[in-house]
Structure formats: C-alpha cells, structure tokens
C-alpha cells in the first residue's frame, strides 16, 4: 500500500523529493496504535526503497541499514516530504521524512541505507 503522492521531483540525478499526504484512512495506520495511530518505521523504509529504485537507483536492491533515527511520529493527516540522496560510488542512500509545519519543515525520521546490485 503506497501513500497518496502529491508531487514527485527529480532535482538532480542523485537527489529526489516526494511530497506525500498521509491520509487518515491509510492502511498502515490501522492497528498501529489504538490511542494514537502513527506510521510504522517498516512502512517508511518500504516507501524509501520503492522510490529510490524507481527514481535514482534502478537495478539496485536493499543490502543493509547503516543507521536510522525516528525523531518524531508521522501521524494521520500530516503532509511530509521524503528526501532521497543517492551516492552511487558508495552505494549509499541517505533519506529523511520532513513534516510540513506551515512554511517550516521538521525532520521526523532519517537514515542511511546501503544498496547493492
């Protein structure tokens, strides 16, 4: 189940930005938690891999997570931008999910993933 994509931008061959609206009825929110639904980390990583292989690194696949940090929850109704930076020579992807707060953005999660062919 993919998110509602608002806009996709290939800023350069190694940098992409995807604006996403986290709709309240999104499959991933069901049952992940009753009191306050939030977007699970596994969904965030799945979306990262989907977009990086589609936009920046076709033919590559997941190798390992170098690091990941979940700083703030992604909640139903949030507008976020997924930022992807691909370093082919290192076979390393850096990503971050940034929640929109008016004109500002706040990083909710970020990390580095190693890819392989």
Protein backbone atom coordinates (compact mmCIF):
# COMPACT_ATOMS: atom_id res chain seq x y z
CA UNK A 1 0.00 0.00 0.00
CA UNK A 2 1.58 3.22 -1.19
CA UNK A 3 0.87 6.70 0.19
CA UNK A 4 -1.02 9.49 -1.53
CA UNK A 5 1.72 11.14 -3.58
CA UNK A 6 1.13 14.85 -4.14
CA UNK A 7 4.24 15.65 -6.19
CA UNK A 8 7.47 13.98 -7.23
CA UNK A 9 10.60 15.96 -8.16
CA UNK A 10 13.87 14.65 -9.57
CA UNK A 11 16.02 17.62 -8.54
CA UNK A 12 19.22 16.03 -9.92
CA UNK A 13 20.25 12.52 -10.98
CA UNK A 14 21.18 11.83 -7.33
CA UNK A 15 18.50 13.82 -5.45
CA UNK A 16 14.74 13.35 -5.36
CA UNK A 17 11.91 14.82 -3.29
CA UNK A 18 8.45 13.32 -2.94
CA UNK A 19 5.59 15.23 -1.30
CA UNK A 20 3.19 12.88 0.45
CA UNK A 21 -0.15 13.39 2.19
CA UNK A 22 -0.69 10.86 4.97
CA UNK A 23 -4.41 10.32 4.65
CA UNK A 24 -6.25 9.27 7.80
CA UNK A 25 -7.60 6.06 6.26
CA UNK A 26 -4.17 4.85 5.10
CA UNK A 27 -3.82 1.09 5.55
CA UNK A 28 -0.64 1.41 7.64
CA UNK A 29 -2.42 3.36 10.40
CA UNK A 30 -4.88 0.55 11.13
CA UNK A 31 -4.00 -1.16 14.40
CA UNK A 32 -0.75 0.73 14.87
CA UNK A 33 -1.74 2.08 17.83
CA UNK A 34 -5.32 2.40 19.04
CA UNK A 35 -4.87 5.59 21.09
CA UNK A 36 -2.73 7.48 18.54
CA UNK A 37 -2.14 5.90 15.13
CA UNK A 38 1.31 6.52 13.66
CA UNK A 39 3.14 5.47 10.53
CA UNK A 40 5.31 2.43 11.33
CA UNK A 41 9.02 2.54 10.58
CA UNK A 42 8.71 -0.52 8.33
CA UNK A 43 6.28 1.40 6.08
CA UNK A 44 8.65 4.37 5.94
CA UNK A 45 11.55 2.13 4.89
CA UNK A 46 9.38 0.32 2.33
CA UNK A 47 8.47 3.65 0.72
CA UNK A 48 12.12 4.75 0.70
CA UNK A 49 13.14 1.58 -1.14
CA UNK A 50 10.25 1.89 -3.59
CA UNK A 51 11.13 5.46 -4.55
CA UNK A 52 14.92 5.07 -4.65
CA UNK A 53 14.77 2.07 -7.01
CA UNK A 54 12.15 3.83 -9.13
CA UNK A 55 13.80 7.25 -9.36
CA UNK A 56 17.52 7.13 -8.52
CA UNK A 57 18.97 3.62 -8.46
CA UNK A 58 17.11 1.22 -10.77
CA UNK A 59 18.58 -2.27 -10.63
CA UNK A 60 19.77 -1.84 -7.05
CA UNK A 61 18.28 -3.59 -4.03
CA UNK A 62 18.45 -3.40 -0.25
CA UNK A 63 21.70 -4.53 1.37
CA UNK A 64 21.69 -3.16 4.93
CA UNK A 65 20.65 -0.27 7.14
CA UNK A 66 23.64 1.83 8.12
CA UNK A 67 21.60 3.85 10.63
CA UNK A 68 18.07 5.04 11.16
CA UNK A 69 16.65 7.53 13.61
CA UNK A 70 12.96 8.05 14.37
CA UNK A 71 12.80 11.50 15.96
CA UNK A 72 9.06 12.26 15.83
CA UNK A 73 5.98 10.27 14.80
CA UNK A 74 4.34 10.65 11.41
CA UNK A 75 0.61 10.99 12.09
CA UNK A 76 -2.63 10.74 10.11
CA UNK A 77 -3.24 13.97 8.21
CA UNK A 78 0.44 15.00 8.10
CA UNK A 79 1.94 16.46 4.94
CA UNK A 80 5.52 15.27 4.54
CA UNK A 81 8.38 15.41 2.06
CA UNK A 82 10.56 12.36 1.57
CA UNK A 83 14.06 13.45 0.59
CA UNK A 84 16.41 10.97 -1.08
CA UNK A 85 20.14 11.48 -1.73
CA UNK A 86 21.96 8.73 -3.64
CA UNK A 87 25.75 8.33 -3.58
CA UNK A 88 26.37 5.71 -6.24
CA UNK A 89 30.13 5.47 -5.65
CA UNK A 90 29.46 4.48 -2.02
CA UNK A 91 26.25 2.60 -2.90
CA UNK A 92 24.65 4.56 -0.07
CA UNK A 93 21.28 6.26 0.17
CA UNK A 94 20.53 8.99 2.70
CA UNK A 95 16.87 9.72 3.38
CA UNK A 96 14.70 11.89 5.58
CA UNK A 97 11.00 12.40 6.14
CA UNK A 98 10.21 16.03 6.87
CA UNK A 99 6.83 17.08 8.23
CA UNK A 100 5.45 20.40 6.98
CA UNK A 101 4.61 22.89 9.73
CA UNK A 102 3.47 26.00 7.89
CA UNK A 103 6.47 27.30 5.97
CA UNK A 104 8.89 25.19 8.03
CA UNK A 105 9.84 21.53 7.86
CA UNK A 106 10.78 19.33 10.79
CA UNK A 107 12.70 16.07 10.37
CA UNK A 108 10.70 13.14 11.73
CA UNK A 109 12.98 10.31 10.64
CA UNK A 110 16.22 9.89 8.75
CA UNK A 111 18.86 7.34 7.97
CA UNK A 112 21.29 5.71 5.59
CA UNK A 113 20.76 2.52 3.65
CA UNK A 114 23.37 0.58 1.72
CA UNK A 115 22.22 -0.82 -1.62
CA UNK A 116 23.73 -3.48 -3.88
CA UNK A 117 23.23 -4.73 -7.44
